[in-house]
PDB file of all heavy atoms in Angstrom:
ATOM      1  N   LYS A   1     130.928 111.687  58.269  1.00  0.00           N
ATOM      2  CA  LYS A   1     132.133 111.184  59.001  1.00  0.00           C
ATOM      3  C   LYS A   1     132.226 109.656  58.936  1.00  0.00           C
ATOM      4  O   LYS A   1     133.406 109.178  58.722  1.00  0.00           O
ATOM      5  CB  LYS A   1     132.007 111.553  60.505  1.00  0.00           C
ATOM      6  CG  LYS A   1     132.112 113.037  60.740  1.00  0.00           C
ATOM      7  CD  LYS A   1     131.999 113.333  62.198  1.00  0.00           C
ATOM      8  CE  LYS A   1     131.929 114.888  62.447  1.00  0.00           C
ATOM      9  NZ  LYS A   1     131.601 115.232  63.815  1.00  0.00           N
ATOM     10  N   CYS A   2     131.219 108.949  59.119  1.00  0.00           N
ATOM     11  CA  CYS A   2     131.368 107.509  59.253  1.00  0.00           C
ATOM     12  C   CYS A   2     130.089 106.776  58.824  1.00  0.00           C
ATOM     13  O   CYS A   2     129.942 105.594  59.195  1.00  0.00           O
ATOM     14  CB  CYS A   2     131.890 106.992  60.523  1.00  0.00           C
ATOM     15  SG  CYS A   2     130.915 107.466  61.952  1.00  0.00           S
ATOM     16  N   LEU A   3     129.222 107.426  57.952  1.00  0.00           N
ATOM     17  CA  LEU A   3     127.996 106.686  57.518  1.00  0.00           C
ATOM     18  C   LEU A   3     128.500 105.785  56.318  1.00  0.00           C
ATOM     19  O   LEU A   3     129.195 106.176  55.470  1.00  0.00           O
ATOM     20  CB  LEU A   3     127.029 107.672  56.931  1.00  0.00           C
ATOM     21  CG  LEU A   3     125.778 107.093  56.385  1.00  0.00           C
ATOM     22  CD1 LEU A   3     124.976 106.348  57.369  1.00  0.00           C
ATOM     23  CD2 LEU A   3     124.953 108.146  55.669  1.00  0.00           C
ATOM     24  N   TRP A   4     128.097 104.491  56.541  1.00  0.00           N
ATOM     25  CA  TRP A   4     128.592 103.366  55.638  1.00  0.00           C
ATOM     26  C   TRP A   4     127.296 102.865  54.997  1.00  0.00           C
ATOM     27  O   TRP A   4     126.237 102.559  55.630  1.00  0.00           O
ATOM     28  CB  TRP A   4     129.200 102.338  56.465  1.00  0.00           C
ATOM     29  CG  TRP A   4     129.661 101.141  55.832  1.00  0.00           C
ATOM     30  CD1 TRP A   4     130.563 100.962  54.737  1.00  0.00           C
ATOM     31  CD2 TRP A   4     129.050  99.785  55.973  1.00  0.00           C
ATOM     32  NE1 TRP A   4     130.629  99.662  54.436  1.00  0.00           N
ATOM     33  CE2 TRP A   4     129.705  98.880  55.138  1.00  0.00           C
ATOM     34  CE3 TRP A   4     128.046  99.252  56.888  1.00  0.00           C
ATOM     35  CZ2 TRP A   4     129.439  97.501  55.062  1.00  0.00           C
ATOM     36  CZ3 TRP A   4     127.776  97.974  56.822  1.00  0.00           C
ATOM     37  CH2 TRP A   4     128.497  97.144  55.924  1.00  0.00           C
ATOM     38  N   THR A   5     127.355 102.714  53.611  1.00  0.00           N
ATOM     39  CA  THR A   5     126.334 102.354  52.840  1.00  0.00           C
ATOM     40  C   THR A   5     126.656 100.971  52.035  1.00  0.00           C
ATOM     41  O   THR A   5     125.887 100.702  51.170  1.00  0.00           O
ATOM     42  CB  THR A   5     125.803 103.379  51.879  1.00  0.00           C
ATOM     43  OG1 THR A   5     126.922 103.590  50.946  1.00  0.00           O
ATOM     44  CG2 THR A   5     125.494 104.627  52.579  1.00  0.00           C
ATOM     45  N   GLY A   6     127.611 100.163  52.515  1.00  0.00           N
ATOM     46  CA  GLY A   6     128.012  99.036  51.809  1.00  0.00           C
ATOM     47  C   GLY A   6     126.917  98.025  51.568  1.00  0.00           C
ATOM     48  O   GLY A   6     126.827  97.480  50.469  1.00  0.00           O
ATOM     49  N   VAL A   7     126.097  97.721  52.591  1.00  0.00           N
ATOM     50  CA  VAL A   7     125.043  96.729  52.411  1.00  0.00           C
ATOM     51  C   VAL A   7     123.867  97.333  51.557  1.00  0.00           C
ATOM     52  O   VAL A   7     123.334  96.636  50.921  1.00  0.00           O
ATOM     53  CB  VAL A   7     124.526  96.235  53.745  1.00  0.00           C
ATOM     54  CG1 VAL A   7     123.319  95.403  53.710  1.00  0.00           C
ATOM     55  CG2 VAL A   7     125.690  95.524  54.563  1.00  0.00           C
ATOM     56  N   ALA A   8     123.690  98.554  51.799  1.00  0.00           N
ATOM     57  CA  ALA A   8     122.572  99.224  50.927  1.00  0.00           C
ATOM     58  C   ALA A   8     122.842  99.098  49.438  1.00  0.00           C
ATOM     59  O   ALA A   8     121.958  98.891  48.701  1.00  0.00           O
ATOM     60  CB  ALA A   8     122.411 100.688  51.360  1.00  0.00           C
ATOM     61  N   GLN A   9     124.120  99.288  49.093  1.00  0.00           N
ATOM     62  CA  GLN A   9     124.441  99.133  47.697  1.00  0.00           C
ATOM     63  C   GLN A   9     124.188  97.701  47.117  1.00  0.00           C
ATOM     64  O   GLN A   9     123.721  97.643  45.921  1.00  0.00           O
ATOM     65  CB  GLN A   9     125.967  99.415  47.448  1.00  0.00           C
ATOM     66  CG  GLN A   9     126.368 100.776  47.638  1.00  0.00           C
ATOM     67  CD  GLN A   9     127.918 101.006  47.522  1.00  0.00           C
ATOM     68  OE1 GLN A   9     128.585 100.012  47.492  1.00  0.00           O
ATOM     69  NE2 GLN A   9     128.244 102.195  47.384  1.00  0.00           N
ATOM     70  N   LEU A  10     124.231  96.662  47.928  1.00  0.00           N
ATOM     71  CA  LEU A  10     124.021  95.331  47.502  1.00  0.00           C
ATOM     72  C   LEU A  10     122.588  94.846  47.530  1.00  0.00           C
ATOM     73  O   LEU A  10     122.226  93.950  46.779  1.00  0.00           O
ATOM     74  CB  LEU A  10     124.937  94.364  48.289  1.00  0.00           C
ATOM     75  CG  LEU A  10     126.428  94.637  48.157  1.00  0.00           C
ATOM     76  CD1 LEU A  10     127.137  93.562  49.077  1.00  0.00           C
ATOM     77  CD2 LEU A  10     126.906  94.338  46.684  1.00  0.00           C
ATOM     78  N   THR A  11     121.839  95.492  48.396  1.00  0.00           N
ATOM     79  CA  THR A  11     120.499  94.896  48.770  1.00  0.00           C
ATOM     80  C   THR A  11     119.316  95.799  48.400  1.00  0.00           C
ATOM     81  O   THR A  11     118.203  95.621  48.841  1.00  0.00           O
ATOM     82  CB  THR A  11     120.429  94.700  50.257  1.00  0.00           C
ATOM     83  OG1 THR A  11     120.521  95.937  50.960  1.00  0.00           O
ATOM     84  CG2 THR A  11     121.449  93.774  50.791  1.00  0.00           C
ATOM     85  N   GLU A  12     119.541  96.612  47.398  1.00  0.00           N
ATOM     86  CA  GLU A  12     118.450  97.585  46.876  1.00  0.00           C
ATOM     87  C   GLU A  12     118.011  98.469  48.088  1.00  0.00           C
ATOM     88  O   GLU A  12     116.917  98.860  48.188  1.00  0.00           O
ATOM     89  CB  GLU A  12     117.209  96.720  46.432  1.00  0.00           C
ATOM     90  CG  GLU A  12     116.293  97.413  45.518  1.00  0.00           C
ATOM     91  CD  GLU A  12     115.242  96.509  44.840  1.00  0.00           C
ATOM     92  OE1 GLU A  12     114.831  95.574  45.479  1.00  0.00           O
ATOM     93  OE2 GLU A  12     115.011  96.821  43.681  1.00  0.00           O
ATOM     94  N   ALA A  13     118.955  98.786  48.948  1.00  0.00           N
ATOM     95  CA  ALA A  13     118.623  99.646  50.092  1.00  0.00           C
ATOM     96  C   ALA A  13     117.478  99.135  50.959  1.00  0.00           C
ATOM     97  O   ALA A  13     116.674  99.977  51.438  1.00  0.00           O
ATOM     98  CB  ALA A  13     118.377 101.106  49.570  1.00  0.00           C
ATOM     99  N   ALA A  14     117.456  97.872  51.101  1.00  0.00           N
ATOM    100  CA  ALA A  14     116.351  97.335  51.896  1.00  0.00           C
ATOM    101  C   ALA A  14     116.595  97.312  53.378  1.00  0.00           C
ATOM    102  O   ALA A  14     117.800  97.158  53.807  1.00  0.00           O
ATOM    103  CB  ALA A  14     116.205  95.683  51.458  1.00  0.00           C
ATOM    104  N   GLY A  15     115.538  97.451  54.188  1.00  0.00           N
ATOM    105  CA  GLY A  15     115.668  97.426  55.569  1.00  0.00           C
ATOM    106  C   GLY A  15     116.726  98.391  56.146  1.00  0.00           C
ATOM    107  O   GLY A  15     117.071  99.413  55.676  1.00  0.00           O
ATOM    108  N   ASN A  16     117.282  97.924  57.304  1.00  0.00           N
ATOM    109  CA  ASN A  16     118.283  98.702  57.993  1.00  0.00           C
ATOM    110  C   ASN A  16     119.641  98.320  57.280  1.00  0.00           C
ATOM    111  O   ASN A  16     120.420  97.484  57.804  1.00  0.00           O
ATOM    112  CB  ASN A  16     118.378  98.275  59.403  1.00  0.00           C
ATOM    113  CG  ASN A  16     117.231  98.928  60.273  1.00  0.00           C
ATOM    114  OD1 ASN A  16     116.770  99.929  59.885  1.00  0.00           O
ATOM    115  ND2 ASN A  16     116.840  98.263  61.282  1.00  0.00           N
ATOM    116  N   SER A  17     119.972  98.981  56.111  1.00  0.00           N
ATOM    117  CA  SER A  17     121.119  98.604  55.397  1.00  0.00           C
ATOM    118  C   SER A  17     122.170  99.569  55.431  1.00  0.00           C
ATOM    119  O   SER A  17     123.163  99.529  54.718  1.00  0.00           O
ATOM    120  CB  SER A  17     120.734  98.273  53.979  1.00  0.00           C
ATOM    121  OG  SER A  17     120.013  99.332  53.380  1.00  0.00           O
ATOM    122  N   THR A  18     122.078 100.645  56.266  1.00  0.00           N
ATOM    123  CA  THR A  18     123.099 101.630  56.412  1.00  0.00           C
ATOM    124  C   THR A  18     123.680 101.484  57.951  1.00  0.00           C
ATOM    125  O   THR A  18     122.984 100.932  58.793  1.00  0.00           O
ATOM    126  CB  THR A  18     122.739 103.092  56.293  1.00  0.00           C
ATOM    127  OG1 THR A  18     121.561 103.345  57.051  1.00  0.00           O
ATOM    128  CG2 THR A  18     122.244 103.322  54.766  1.00  0.00           C
ATOM    129  N   GLY A  19     124.858 101.909  58.137  1.00  0.00           N
ATOM    130  CA  GLY A  19     125.393 101.810  59.507  1.00  0.00           C
ATOM    131  C   GLY A  19     126.455 102.913  59.707  1.00  0.00           C
ATOM    132  O   GLY A  19     126.796 103.675  58.723  1.00  0.00           O
ATOM    133  N   LEU A  20     126.943 102.921  60.903  1.00  0.00           N
ATOM    134  CA  LEU A  20     128.087 103.805  61.259  1.00  0.00           C
ATOM    135  C   LEU A  20     129.328 102.824  61.455  1.00  0.00           C
ATOM    136  O   LEU A  20     129.293 101.812  62.107  1.00  0.00           O
ATOM    137  CB  LEU A  20     127.803 104.648  62.465  1.00  0.00           C
ATOM    138  CG  LEU A  20     126.675 105.565  62.333  1.00  0.00           C
ATOM    139  CD1 LEU A  20     126.330 106.239  63.695  1.00  0.00           C
ATOM    140  CD2 LEU A  20     126.853 106.619  61.246  1.00  0.00           C
ATOM    141  N   VAL A  21     130.487 103.255  61.058  1.00  0.00           N
ATOM    142  CA  VAL A  21     131.735 102.566  61.197  1.00  0.00           C
ATOM    143  C   VAL A  21     132.757 103.421  61.855  1.00  0.00           C
ATOM    144  O   VAL A  21     132.969 104.614  61.357  1.00  0.00           O
ATOM    145  CB  VAL A  21     132.187 102.067  59.850  1.00  0.00           C
ATOM    146  CG1 VAL A  21     133.496 101.308  59.955  1.00  0.00           C
ATOM    147  CG2 VAL A  21     131.186 101.213  59.194  1.00  0.00           C
ATOM    148  N   GLY A  22     133.459 102.931  62.866  1.00  0.00           N
ATOM    149  CA  GLY A  22     134.503 103.745  63.464  1.00  0.00           C
ATOM    150  C   GLY A  22     134.832 103.280  64.840  1.00  0.00           C
ATOM    151  O   GLY A  22     134.165 102.400  65.371  1.00  0.00           O
ATOM    152  N   THR A  23     135.576 104.065  65.515  1.00  0.00           N
ATOM    153  CA  THR A  23     135.943 103.791  66.994  1.00  0.00           C
ATOM    154  C   THR A  23     134.669 104.264  67.800  1.00  0.00           C
ATOM    155  O   THR A  23     133.777 104.920  67.252  1.00  0.00           O
ATOM    156  CB  THR A  23     137.169 104.702  67.383  1.00  0.00           C
ATOM    157  OG1 THR A  23     136.807 106.057  67.256  1.00  0.00           O
ATOM    158  CG2 THR A  23     138.307 104.307  66.561  1.00  0.00           C
ATOM    159  N   PRO A  24     134.611 103.901  69.047  1.00  0.00           N
ATOM    160  CA  PRO A  24     133.539 104.320  69.855  1.00  0.00           C
ATOM    161  C   PRO A  24     133.409 105.991  69.767  1.00  0.00           C
ATOM    162  O   PRO A  24     132.221 106.458  69.695  1.00  0.00           O
ATOM    163  CB  PRO A  24     133.805 103.803  71.276  1.00  0.00           C
ATOM    164  CG  PRO A  24     134.664 102.663  71.036  1.00  0.00           C
ATOM    165  CD  PRO A  24     135.518 102.976  69.802  1.00  0.00           C
ATOM    166  N   GLU A  25     134.510 106.622  69.923  1.00  0.00           N
ATOM    167  CA  GLU A  25     134.532 108.071  69.824  1.00  0.00           C
ATOM    168  C   GLU A  25     133.951 108.625  68.481  1.00  0.00           C
ATOM    169  O   GLU A  25     133.137 109.525  68.467  1.00  0.00           O
ATOM    170  CB  GLU A  25     135.862 108.680  70.128  1.00  0.00           C
ATOM    171  CG  GLU A  25     136.449 108.397  71.471  1.00  0.00           C
ATOM    172  CD  GLU A  25     136.976 106.980  71.666  1.00  0.00           C
ATOM    173  OE1 GLU A  25     137.101 106.145  70.749  1.00  0.00           O
ATOM    174  OE2 GLU A  25     137.118 106.616  72.873  1.00  0.00           O
ATOM    175  N   GLN A  26     134.330 108.046  67.442  1.00  0.00           N
ATOM    176  CA  GLN A  26     133.864 108.452  66.115  1.00  0.00           C
ATOM    177  C   GLN A  26     132.322 108.143  65.895  1.00  0.00           C
ATOM    178  O   GLN A  26     131.626 108.988  65.454  1.00  0.00           O
ATOM    179  CB  GLN A  26     134.719 107.739  64.982  1.00  0.00           C
ATOM    180  CG  GLN A  26     136.120 108.167  64.952  1.00  0.00           C
ATOM    181  CD  GLN A  26     136.865 107.311  64.004  1.00  0.00           C
ATOM    182  OE1 GLN A  26     136.660 106.068  63.867  1.00  0.00           O
ATOM    183  NE2 GLN A  26     138.045 107.770  63.530  1.00  0.00           N
ATOM    184  N   VAL A  27     131.916 106.984  66.384  1.00  0.00           N
ATOM    185  CA  VAL A  27     130.534 106.705  66.218  1.00  0.00           C
ATOM    186  C   VAL A  27     129.714 107.517  67.178  1.00  0.00           C
ATOM    187  O   VAL A  27     128.628 108.045  66.785  1.00  0.00           O
ATOM    188  CB  VAL A  27     130.307 105.208  66.509  1.00  0.00           C
ATOM    189  CG1 VAL A  27     128.806 104.843  66.643  1.00  0.00           C
ATOM    190  CG2 VAL A  27     130.955 104.303  65.434  1.00  0.00           C
ATOM    191  N   ALA A  28     130.185 107.784  68.362  1.00  0.00           N
ATOM    192  CA  ALA A  28     129.425 108.732  69.313  1.00  0.00           C
ATOM    193  C   ALA A  28     129.402 110.100  68.720  1.00  0.00           C
ATOM    194  O   ALA A  28     128.243 110.704  68.840  1.00  0.00           O
ATOM    195  CB  ALA A  28     130.184 108.701  70.620  1.00  0.00           C
ATOM    196  N   ASP A  29     130.395 110.509  68.120  1.00  0.00           N
ATOM    197  CA  ASP A  29     130.294 111.867  67.446  1.00  0.00           C
ATOM    198  C   ASP A  29     129.384 111.906  66.327  1.00  0.00           C
ATOM    199  O   ASP A  29     128.523 112.866  66.215  1.00  0.00           O
ATOM    200  CB  ASP A  29     131.803 112.341  66.879  1.00  0.00           C
ATOM    201  CG  ASP A  29     132.666 112.734  68.011  1.00  0.00           C
ATOM    202  OD1 ASP A  29     132.297 112.998  69.111  1.00  0.00           O
ATOM    203  OD2 ASP A  29     133.917 112.758  67.655  1.00  0.00           O
ATOM    204  N   ALA A  30     129.292 110.888  65.556  1.00  0.00           N
ATOM    205  CA  ALA A  30     128.346 110.688  64.451  1.00  0.00           C
ATOM    206  C   ALA A  30     126.906 110.763  65.069  1.00  0.00           C
ATOM    207  O   ALA A  30     126.004 111.390  64.468  1.00  0.00           O
ATOM    208  CB  ALA A  30     128.518 109.545  63.559  1.00  0.00           C
ATOM    209  N   LEU A  31     126.649 109.983  66.010  1.00  0.00           N
ATOM    210  CA  LEU A  31     125.332 109.954  66.721  1.00  0.00           C
ATOM    211  C   LEU A  31     124.960 111.323  67.192  1.00  0.00           C
ATOM    212  O   LEU A  31     123.787 111.785  67.010  1.00  0.00           O
ATOM    213  CB  LEU A  31     125.265 108.888  67.778  1.00  0.00           C
ATOM    214  CG  LEU A  31     125.371 107.382  67.378  1.00  0.00           C
ATOM    215  CD1 LEU A  31     125.452 106.568  68.551  1.00  0.00           C
ATOM    216  CD2 LEU A  31     124.137 107.043  66.490  1.00  0.00           C
ATOM    217  N   LEU A  32     125.864 112.045  67.729  1.00  0.00           N
ATOM    218  CA  LEU A  32     125.645 113.434  68.175  1.00  0.00           C
ATOM    219  C   LEU A  32     125.334 114.397  67.093  1.00  0.00           C
ATOM    220  O   LEU A  32     124.592 115.341  67.147  1.00  0.00           O
ATOM    221  CB  LEU A  32     126.731 113.939  69.104  1.00  0.00           C
ATOM    222  CG  LEU A  32     126.503 113.300  70.480  1.00  0.00           C
ATOM    223  CD1 LEU A  32     127.891 112.937  71.125  1.00  0.00           C
ATOM    224  CD2 LEU A  32     125.931 114.407  71.404  1.00  0.00           C
ATOM    225  N   ASP A  33     125.994 114.119  65.911  1.00  0.00           N
ATOM    226  CA  ASP A  33     125.609 114.959  64.696  1.00  0.00           C
ATOM    227  C   ASP A  33     124.175 114.751  64.311  1.00  0.00           C
ATOM    228  O   ASP A  33     123.409 115.752  63.991  1.00  0.00           O
ATOM    229  CB  ASP A  33     126.541 114.588  63.581  1.00  0.00           C
ATOM    230  CG  ASP A  33     127.923 115.039  63.732  1.00  0.00           C
ATOM    231  OD1 ASP A  33     128.201 115.960  64.498  1.00  0.00           O
ATOM    232  OD2 ASP A  33     128.811 114.436  63.049  1.00  0.00           O
ATOM    233  N   TYR A  34     123.717 113.465  64.392  1.00  0.00           N
ATOM    234  CA  TYR A  34     122.322 113.252  64.131  1.00  0.00           C
ATOM    235  C   TYR A  34     121.396 113.867  65.231  1.00  0.00           C
ATOM    236  O   TYR A  34     120.362 114.426  64.945  1.00  0.00           O
ATOM    237  CB  TYR A  34     122.028 111.811  64.013  1.00  0.00           C
ATOM    238  CG  TYR A  34     122.491 111.104  62.743  1.00  0.00           C
ATOM    239  CD1 TYR A  34     123.594 110.311  62.769  1.00  0.00           C
ATOM    240  CD2 TYR A  34     121.878 111.387  61.527  1.00  0.00           C
ATOM    241  CE1 TYR A  34     124.080 109.710  61.580  1.00  0.00           C
ATOM    242  CE2 TYR A  34     122.340 110.834  60.323  1.00  0.00           C
ATOM    243  CZ  TYR A  34     123.385 109.936  60.370  1.00  0.00           C
ATOM    244  OH  TYR A  34     123.877 109.464  59.204  1.00  0.00           O
ATOM    245  N   HIS A  35     121.864 113.808  66.449  1.00  0.00           N
ATOM    246  CA  HIS A  35     121.127 114.365  67.514  1.00  0.00           C
ATOM    247  C   HIS A  35     120.967 115.857  67.360  1.00  0.00           C
ATOM    248  O   HIS A  35     119.770 116.519  67.561  1.00  0.00           O
ATOM    249  CB  HIS A  35     121.725 114.016  68.883  1.00  0.00           C
ATOM    250  CG  HIS A  35     121.126 114.509  70.088  1.00  0.00           C
ATOM    251  ND1 HIS A  35     121.349 115.756  70.651  1.00  0.00           N
ATOM    252  CD2 HIS A  35     120.159 113.920  70.850  1.00  0.00           C
ATOM    253  CE1 HIS A  35     120.529 115.860  71.722  1.00  0.00           C
ATOM    254  NE2 HIS A  35     119.795 114.792  71.831  1.00  0.00           N
ATOM    255  N   ALA A  36     122.057 116.555  66.876  1.00  0.00           N
ATOM    256  CA  ALA A  36     121.881 118.026  66.680  1.00  0.00           C
ATOM    257  C   ALA A  36     120.980 118.351  65.543  1.00  0.00           C
ATOM    258  O   ALA A  36     120.497 119.494  65.403  1.00  0.00           O
ATOM    259  CB  ALA A  36     123.350 118.441  66.217  1.00  0.00           C
ATOM    260  N   ARG A  37     120.630 117.321  64.702  1.00  0.00           N
ATOM    261  CA  ARG A  37     119.733 117.602  63.613  1.00  0.00           C
ATOM    262  C   ARG A  37     118.204 117.157  63.962  1.00  0.00           C
ATOM    263  O   ARG A  37     117.378 117.203  63.165  1.00  0.00           O
ATOM    264  CB  ARG A  37     120.109 116.841  62.371  1.00  0.00           C
ATOM    265  CG  ARG A  37     121.253 117.678  61.731  1.00  0.00           C
ATOM    266  CD  ARG A  37     122.247 116.809  60.966  1.00  0.00           C
ATOM    267  NE  ARG A  37     123.270 117.582  60.378  1.00  0.00           N
ATOM    268  CZ  ARG A  37     124.393 117.947  61.074  1.00  0.00           C
ATOM    269  NH1 ARG A  37     124.557 117.555  62.318  1.00  0.00           N
ATOM    270  NH2 ARG A  37     125.333 118.732  60.392  1.00  0.00           N
ATOM    271  N   GLY A  38     118.086 116.890  65.252  1.00  0.00           N
ATOM    272  CA  GLY A  38     116.598 116.559  65.707  1.00  0.00           C
ATOM    273  C   GLY A  38     116.358 115.207  66.048  1.00  0.00           C
ATOM    274  O   GLY A  38     115.245 114.894  66.487  1.00  0.00           O
ATOM    275  N   VAL A  39     117.314 114.247  65.972  1.00  0.00           N
ATOM    276  CA  VAL A  39     116.986 112.887  66.253  1.00  0.00           C
ATOM    277  C   VAL A  39     117.164 112.706  67.815  1.00  0.00           C
ATOM    278  O   VAL A  39     118.275 113.011  68.390  1.00  0.00           O
ATOM    279  CB  VAL A  39     117.932 111.926  65.537  1.00  0.00           C
ATOM    280  CG1 VAL A  39     117.741 110.452  65.945  1.00  0.00           C
ATOM    281  CG2 VAL A  39     117.745 112.100  64.043  1.00  0.00           C
TER     282      VAL A  39
END
């Protein structure tokens, strides 16, 4: 839905280089998708 890998592409996927992008509702939904998978 909103997993963003822009920094990972540039930095050899170093450190915390992925993120979520969107409105609070979109990001909350994405976090709940991860929660549903055991996080």
